Amino acid sequence: KVDVTQEPGLSGRFFVTTLPTIYHANDGV
């Protein structure tokens, strides 16, 4: 999990615009 209030750079990297946002990652995909 990533707290977007503490990690604005990370939410930008994942282009998070709605909450909660969930991603699946498999070896960088």
ModelCIF file with pLDDT and N, C-alpha, C, O atoms, coordinates in Angstrom:
data_MODEL
#
_entry.id   MODEL 
#
_entity.id                         1 
_entity.type                       polymer 
_entity.pdbx_number_of_molecules   1 
#
_entity_poly.entity_id                      1 
_entity_poly.type                           'polypeptide(L)' 
_entity_poly.nstd_linkage                   no 
_entity_poly.nstd_monomer                   no 
_entity_poly.pdbx_seq_one_letter_code       KVDVTQEPGLSGRFFVTTLPTIYHANDGV 
_entity_poly.pdbx_seq_one_letter_code_can   KVDVTQEPGLSGRFFVTTLPTIYHANDGV 
_entity_poly.pdbx_strand_id                 A 
#
loop_
_entity_poly_seq.entity_id 
_entity_poly_seq.num 
_entity_poly_seq.mon_id 
_entity_poly_seq.hetero 
1 1  LYS n 
1 2  VAL n 
1 3  ASP n 
1 4  VAL n 
1 5  THR n 
1 6  GLN n 
1 7  GLU n 
1 8  PRO n 
1 9  GLY n 
1 10 LEU n 
1 11 SER n 
1 12 GLY n 
1 13 ARG n 
1 14 PHE n 
1 15 PHE n 
1 16 VAL n 
1 17 THR n 
1 18 THR n 
1 19 LEU n 
1 20 PRO n 
1 21 THR n 
1 22 ILE n 
1 23 TYR n 
1 24 HIS n 
1 25 ALA n 
1 26 ASN n 
1 27 ASP n 
1 28 GLY n 
1 29 VAL n 
#
_struct_asym.id          A 
_struct_asym.entity_id   1 
#
loop_
_ma_qa_metric.id 
_ma_qa_metric.mode 
_ma_qa_metric.name 
_ma_qa_metric.software_group_id 
_ma_qa_metric.type 
1 global pLDDT . pLDDT 
2 local  pLDDT . pLDDT 
#
_ma_qa_metric_global.metric_id      1 
_ma_qa_metric_global.metric_value   90.28 
_ma_qa_metric_global.model_id       1 
_ma_qa_metric_global.ordinal_id     1 
#
loop_
_ma_qa_metric_local.label_asym_id 
_ma_qa_metric_local.label_comp_id 
_ma_qa_metric_local.label_seq_id 
_ma_qa_metric_local.metric_id 
_ma_qa_metric_local.metric_value 
_ma_qa_metric_local.model_id 
_ma_qa_metric_local.ordinal_id 
A LYS 1  2 97.00 1 1  
A VAL 2  2 96.00 1 2  
A ASP 3  2 97.00 1 3  
A VAL 4  2 94.00 1 4  
A THR 5  2 93.00 1 5  
A GLN 6  2 93.00 1 6  
A GLU 7  2 89.00 1 7  
A PRO 8  2 83.00 1 8  
A GLY 9  2 81.00 1 9  
A LEU 10 2 83.00 1 10 
A SER 11 2 84.00 1 11 
A GLY 12 2 80.00 1 12 
A ARG 13 2 80.00 1 13 
A PHE 14 2 84.00 1 14 
A PHE 15 2 82.00 1 15 
A VAL 16 2 88.00 1 16 
A THR 17 2 88.00 1 17 
A THR 18 2 93.00 1 18 
A LEU 19 2 96.00 1 19 
A PRO 20 2 97.00 1 20 
A THR 21 2 96.00 1 21 
A ILE 22 2 97.00 1 22 
A TYR 23 2 95.00 1 23 
A HIS 24 2 96.00 1 24 
A ALA 25 2 94.00 1 25 
A ASN 26 2 94.00 1 26 
A ASP 27 2 91.00 1 27 
A GLY 28 2 87.00 1 28 
A VAL 29 2 90.00 1 29 
#
loop_
_atom_site.group_PDB 
_atom_site.id 
_atom_site.type_symbol 
_atom_site.label_atom_id 
_atom_site.label_alt_id 
_atom_site.label_comp_id 
_atom_site.label_asym_id 
_atom_site.label_entity_id 
_atom_site.label_seq_id 
_atom_site.pdbx_PDB_ins_code 
_atom_site.Cartn_x 
_atom_site.Cartn_y 
_atom_site.Cartn_z 
_atom_site.occupancy 
_atom_site.B_iso_or_equiv 
_atom_site.pdbx_formal_charge 
_atom_site.auth_seq_id 
_atom_site.auth_comp_id 
_atom_site.auth_asym_id 
_atom_site.auth_atom_id 
_atom_site.pdbx_PDB_model_num 
ATOM 1   N N  . LYS A 1 1  ? 0.842   -1.193 0.000   1.00 97.00 ? 1  LYS A N  1 
ATOM 2   C CA . LYS A 1 1  ? 0.000   0.000  0.000   1.00 97.00 ? 1  LYS A CA 1 
ATOM 3   C C  . LYS A 1 1  ? 0.876   1.240  0.000   1.00 97.00 ? 1  LYS A C  1 
ATOM 4   O O  . LYS A 1 1  ? 2.007   1.237  0.487   1.00 97.00 ? 1  LYS A O  1 
ATOM 5   N N  . VAL A 1 2  ? 0.309   2.305  -0.566  1.00 96.00 ? 2  VAL A N  1 
ATOM 6   C CA . VAL A 1 2  ? 0.994   3.592  -0.645  1.00 96.00 ? 2  VAL A CA 1 
ATOM 7   C C  . VAL A 1 2  ? 0.024   4.666  -0.147  1.00 96.00 ? 2  VAL A C  1 
ATOM 8   O O  . VAL A 1 2  ? -1.086  4.798  -0.663  1.00 96.00 ? 2  VAL A O  1 
ATOM 9   N N  . ASP A 1 3  ? 0.454   5.427  0.856   1.00 97.00 ? 3  ASP A N  1 
ATOM 10  C CA . ASP A 1 3  ? -0.331  6.553  1.367   1.00 97.00 ? 3  ASP A CA 1 
ATOM 11  C C  . ASP A 1 3  ? -0.020  7.753  0.469   1.00 97.00 ? 3  ASP A C  1 
ATOM 12  O O  . ASP A 1 3  ? 1.082   8.299  0.513   1.00 97.00 ? 3  ASP A O  1 
ATOM 13  N N  . VAL A 1 4  ? -0.993  8.158  -0.339  1.00 94.00 ? 4  VAL A N  1 
ATOM 14  C CA . VAL A 1 4  ? -0.754  9.242  -1.300  1.00 94.00 ? 4  VAL A CA 1 
ATOM 15  C C  . VAL A 1 4  ? -0.510  10.586 -0.620  1.00 94.00 ? 4  VAL A C  1 
ATOM 16  O O  . VAL A 1 4  ? 0.073   11.487 -1.224  1.00 94.00 ? 4  VAL A O  1 
ATOM 17  N N  . THR A 1 5  ? -0.950  10.731 0.630   1.00 93.00 ? 5  THR A N  1 
ATOM 18  C CA . THR A 1 5  ? -0.705  11.991 1.337   1.00 93.00 ? 5  THR A CA 1 
ATOM 19  C C  . THR A 1 5  ? 0.757   12.109 1.748   1.00 93.00 ? 5  THR A C  1 
ATOM 20  O O  . THR A 1 5  ? 1.265   13.216 1.931   1.00 93.00 ? 5  THR A O  1 
ATOM 21  N N  . GLN A 1 6  ? 1.432   10.975 1.893   1.00 93.00 ? 6  GLN A N  1 
ATOM 22  C CA . GLN A 1 6  ? 2.840   10.955 2.259   1.00 93.00 ? 6  GLN A CA 1 
ATOM 23  C C  . GLN A 1 6  ? 3.760   10.796 1.051   1.00 93.00 ? 6  GLN A C  1 
ATOM 24  O O  . GLN A 1 6  ? 4.939   11.147 1.110   1.00 93.00 ? 6  GLN A O  1 
ATOM 25  N N  . GLU A 1 7  ? 3.216   10.266 -0.043  1.00 89.00 ? 7  GLU A N  1 
ATOM 26  C CA . GLU A 1 7  ? 4.015   9.938  -1.223  1.00 89.00 ? 7  GLU A CA 1 
ATOM 27  C C  . GLU A 1 7  ? 3.444   10.538 -2.506  1.00 89.00 ? 7  GLU A C  1 
ATOM 28  O O  . GLU A 1 7  ? 3.018   9.798  -3.393  1.00 89.00 ? 7  GLU A O  1 
ATOM 29  N N  . PRO A 1 8  ? 3.428   11.891 -2.623  1.00 83.00 ? 8  PRO A N  1 
ATOM 30  C CA . PRO A 1 8  ? 2.872   12.492 -3.841  1.00 83.00 ? 8  PRO A CA 1 
ATOM 31  C C  . PRO A 1 8  ? 3.658   12.099 -5.096  1.00 83.00 ? 8  PRO A C  1 
ATOM 32  O O  . PRO A 1 8  ? 3.069   11.948 -6.166  1.00 83.00 ? 8  PRO A O  1 
ATOM 33  N N  . GLY A 1 9  ? 4.957   11.933 -4.979  1.00 81.00 ? 9  GLY A N  1 
ATOM 34  C CA . GLY A 1 9  ? 5.761   11.536 -6.134  1.00 81.00 ? 9  GLY A CA 1 
ATOM 35  C C  . GLY A 1 9  ? 5.375   10.160 -6.652  1.00 81.00 ? 9  GLY A C  1 
ATOM 36  O O  . GLY A 1 9  ? 5.311   9.931  -7.860  1.00 81.00 ? 9  GLY A O  1 
ATOM 37  N N  . LEU A 1 10 ? 5.118   9.250  -5.726  1.00 83.00 ? 10 LEU A N  1 
ATOM 38  C CA . LEU A 1 10 ? 4.744   7.891  -6.110  1.00 83.00 ? 10 LEU A CA 1 
ATOM 39  C C  . LEU A 1 10 ? 3.343   7.858  -6.716  1.00 83.00 ? 10 LEU A C  1 
ATOM 40  O O  . LEU A 1 10 ? 3.095   7.109  -7.661  1.00 83.00 ? 10 LEU A O  1 
ATOM 41  N N  . SER A 1 11 ? 2.432   8.659  -6.181  1.00 84.00 ? 11 SER A N  1 
ATOM 42  C CA . SER A 1 11 ? 1.093   8.690  -6.776  1.00 84.00 ? 11 SER A CA 1 
ATOM 43  C C  . SER A 1 11 ? 1.164   9.302  -8.175  1.00 84.00 ? 11 SER A C  1 
ATOM 44  O O  . SER A 1 11 ? 0.378   8.935  -9.048  1.00 84.00 ? 11 SER A O  1 
ATOM 45  N N  . GLY A 1 12 ? 2.099   10.234 -8.397  1.00 80.00 ? 12 GLY A N  1 
ATOM 46  C CA . GLY A 1 12 ? 2.309   10.792 -9.731  1.00 80.00 ? 12 GLY A CA 1 
ATOM 47  C C  . GLY A 1 12 ? 2.887   9.779  -10.687 1.00 80.00 ? 12 GLY A C  1 
ATOM 48  O O  . GLY A 1 12 ? 2.481   9.705  -11.847 1.00 80.00 ? 12 GLY A O  1 
ATOM 49  N N  . ARG A 1 13 ? 3.834   8.998  -10.207 1.00 80.00 ? 13 ARG A N  1 
ATOM 50  C CA . ARG A 1 13 ? 4.467   7.957  -11.037 1.00 80.00 ? 13 ARG A CA 1 
ATOM 51  C C  . ARG A 1 13 ? 3.426   6.954  -11.539 1.00 80.00 ? 13 ARG A C  1 
ATOM 52  O O  . ARG A 1 13 ? 3.526   6.465  -12.663 1.00 80.00 ? 13 ARG A O  1 
ATOM 53  N N  . PHE A 1 14 ? 2.435   6.652  -10.709 1.00 84.00 ? 14 PHE A N  1 
ATOM 54  C CA . PHE A 1 14 ? 1.381   5.706  -11.088 1.00 84.00 ? 14 PHE A CA 1 
ATOM 55  C C  . PHE A 1 14 ? 0.148   6.420  -11.642 1.00 84.00 ? 14 PHE A C  1 
ATOM 56  O O  . PHE A 1 14 ? -0.855  5.783  -11.966 1.00 84.00 ? 14 PHE A O  1 
ATOM 57  N N  . PHE A 1 15 ? 0.231   7.740  -11.747 1.00 82.00 ? 15 PHE A N  1 
ATOM 58  C CA . PHE A 1 15 ? -0.846  8.581  -12.265 1.00 82.00 ? 15 PHE A CA 1 
ATOM 59  C C  . PHE A 1 15 ? -2.176  8.286  -11.563 1.00 82.00 ? 15 PHE A C  1 
ATOM 60  O O  . PHE A 1 15 ? -3.198  8.052  -12.208 1.00 82.00 ? 15 PHE A O  1 
ATOM 61  N N  . VAL A 1 16 ? -2.136  8.304  -10.233 1.00 88.00 ? 16 VAL A N  1 
ATOM 62  C CA . VAL A 1 16 ? -3.316  8.033  -9.420  1.00 88.00 ? 16 VAL A CA 1 
ATOM 63  C C  . VAL A 1 16 ? -4.194  9.286  -9.375  1.00 88.00 ? 16 VAL A C  1 
ATOM 64  O O  . VAL A 1 16 ? -3.751  10.348 -8.936  1.00 88.00 ? 16 VAL A O  1 
ATOM 65  N N  . THR A 1 17 ? -5.429  9.153  -9.830  1.00 88.00 ? 17 THR A N  1 
ATOM 66  C CA . THR A 1 17 ? -6.360  10.283 -9.841  1.00 88.00 ? 17 THR A CA 1 
ATOM 67  C C  . THR A 1 17 ? -7.621  10.001 -9.034  1.00 88.00 ? 17 THR A C  1 
ATOM 68  O O  . THR A 1 17 ? -8.382  10.926 -8.752  1.00 88.00 ? 17 THR A O  1 
ATOM 69  N N  . THR A 1 18 ? -7.859  8.753  -8.657  1.00 93.00 ? 18 THR A N  1 
ATOM 70  C CA . THR A 1 18 ? -9.007  8.393  -7.822  1.00 93.00 ? 18 THR A CA 1 
ATOM 71  C C  . THR A 1 18 ? -8.531  7.484  -6.699  1.00 93.00 ? 18 THR A C  1 
ATOM 72  O O  . THR A 1 18 ? -7.502  6.818  -6.816  1.00 93.00 ? 18 THR A O  1 
ATOM 73  N N  . LEU A 1 19 ? -9.288  7.467  -5.617  1.00 96.00 ? 19 LEU A N  1 
ATOM 74  C CA . LEU A 1 19 ? -8.926  6.631  -4.464  1.00 96.00 ? 19 LEU A CA 1 
ATOM 75  C C  . LEU A 1 19 ? -10.085 5.720  -4.083  1.00 96.00 ? 19 LEU A C  1 
ATOM 76  O O  . LEU A 1 19 ? -11.243 6.119  -4.207  1.00 96.00 ? 19 LEU A O  1 
ATOM 77  N N  . PRO A 1 20 ? -9.802  4.517  -3.626  1.00 97.00 ? 20 PRO A N  1 
ATOM 78  C CA . PRO A 1 20 ? -8.495  3.883  -3.746  1.00 97.00 ? 20 PRO A CA 1 
ATOM 79  C C  . PRO A 1 20 ? -8.247  3.418  -5.182  1.00 97.00 ? 20 PRO A C  1 
ATOM 80  O O  . PRO A 1 20 ? -9.187  3.120  -5.919  1.00 97.00 ? 20 PRO A O  1 
ATOM 81  N N  . THR A 1 21 ? -6.991  3.360  -5.563  1.00 96.00 ? 21 THR A N  1 
ATOM 82  C CA . THR A 1 21 ? -6.581  2.821  -6.855  1.00 96.00 ? 21 THR A CA 1 
ATOM 83  C C  . THR A 1 21 ? -5.748  1.577  -6.578  1.00 96.00 ? 21 THR A C  1 
ATOM 84  O O  . THR A 1 21 ? -4.848  1.594  -5.738  1.00 96.00 ? 21 THR A O  1 
ATOM 85  N N  . ILE A 1 22 ? -6.053  0.506  -7.287  1.00 97.00 ? 22 ILE A N  1 
ATOM 86  C CA . ILE A 1 22 ? -5.342  -0.763 -7.085  1.00 97.00 ? 22 ILE A CA 1 
ATOM 87  C C  . ILE A 1 22 ? -4.674  -1.178 -8.389  1.00 97.00 ? 22 ILE A C  1 
ATOM 88  O O  . ILE A 1 22 ? -5.276  -1.146 -9.462  1.00 97.00 ? 22 ILE A O  1 
ATOM 89  N N  . TYR A 1 23 ? -3.411  -1.568 -8.260  1.00 95.00 ? 23 TYR A N  1 
ATOM 90  C CA . TYR A 1 23 ? -2.653  -2.091 -9.396  1.00 95.00 ? 23 TYR A CA 1 
ATOM 91  C C  . TYR A 1 23 ? -2.200  -3.506 -9.123  1.00 95.00 ? 23 TYR A C  1 
ATOM 92  O O  . TYR A 1 23 ? -1.926  -3.881 -7.983  1.00 95.00 ? 23 TYR A O  1 
ATOM 93  N N  . HIS A 1 24 ? -2.125  -4.290 -10.192 1.00 96.00 ? 24 HIS A N  1 
ATOM 94  C CA . HIS A 1 24 ? -1.479  -5.597 -10.158 1.00 96.00 ? 24 HIS A CA 1 
ATOM 95  C C  . HIS A 1 24 ? -0.154  -5.410 -10.898 1.00 96.00 ? 24 HIS A C  1 
ATOM 96  O O  . HIS A 1 24 ? -0.112  -4.779 -11.954 1.00 96.00 ? 24 HIS A O  1 
ATOM 97  N N  . ALA A 1 25 ? 0.896   -5.944 -10.355 1.00 94.00 ? 25 ALA A N  1 
ATOM 98  C CA . ALA A 1 25 ? 2.204   -5.888 -11.019 1.00 94.00 ? 25 ALA A CA 1 
ATOM 99  C C  . ALA A 1 25 ? 2.779   -7.293 -11.067 1.00 94.00 ? 25 ALA A C  1 
ATOM 100 O O  . ALA A 1 25 ? 2.744   -8.032 -10.082 1.00 94.00 ? 25 ALA A O  1 
ATOM 101 N N  . ASN A 1 26 ? 3.302   -7.643 -12.217 1.00 94.00 ? 26 ASN A N  1 
ATOM 102 C CA . ASN A 1 26 ? 3.960   -8.940 -12.368 1.00 94.00 ? 26 ASN A CA 1 
ATOM 103 C C  . ASN A 1 26 ? 5.259   -8.713 -13.125 1.00 94.00 ? 26 ASN A C  1 
ATOM 104 O O  . ASN A 1 26 ? 5.258   -8.473 -14.333 1.00 94.00 ? 26 ASN A O  1 
ATOM 105 N N  . ASP A 1 27 ? 6.370   -8.795 -12.393 1.00 91.00 ? 27 ASP A N  1 
ATOM 106 C CA . ASP A 1 27 ? 7.704   -8.568 -12.960 1.00 91.00 ? 27 ASP A CA 1 
ATOM 107 C C  . ASP A 1 27 ? 7.767   -7.282 -13.785 1.00 91.00 ? 27 ASP A C  1 
ATOM 108 O O  . ASP A 1 27 ? 8.270   -7.276 -14.909 1.00 91.00 ? 27 ASP A O  1 
ATOM 109 N N  . GLY A 1 28 ? 7.250   -6.196 -13.212 1.00 87.00 ? 28 GLY A N  1 
ATOM 110 C CA . GLY A 1 28 ? 7.344   -4.882 -13.839 1.00 87.00 ? 28 GLY A CA 1 
ATOM 111 C C  . GLY A 1 28 ? 6.287   -4.565 -14.871 1.00 87.00 ? 28 GLY A C  1 
ATOM 112 O O  . GLY A 1 28 ? 6.317   -3.489 -15.469 1.00 87.00 ? 28 GLY A O  1 
ATOM 113 N N  . VAL A 1 29 ? 5.345   -5.483 -15.096 1.00 90.00 ? 29 VAL A N  1 
ATOM 114 C CA . VAL A 1 29 ? 4.229   -5.214 -16.006 1.00 90.00 ? 29 VAL A CA 1 
ATOM 115 C C  . VAL A 1 29 ? 3.023   -4.862 -15.140 1.00 90.00 ? 29 VAL A C  1 
ATOM 116 O O  . VAL A 1 29 ? 1.943   -4.590 -15.666 1.00 90.00 ? 29 VAL A O  1 
#
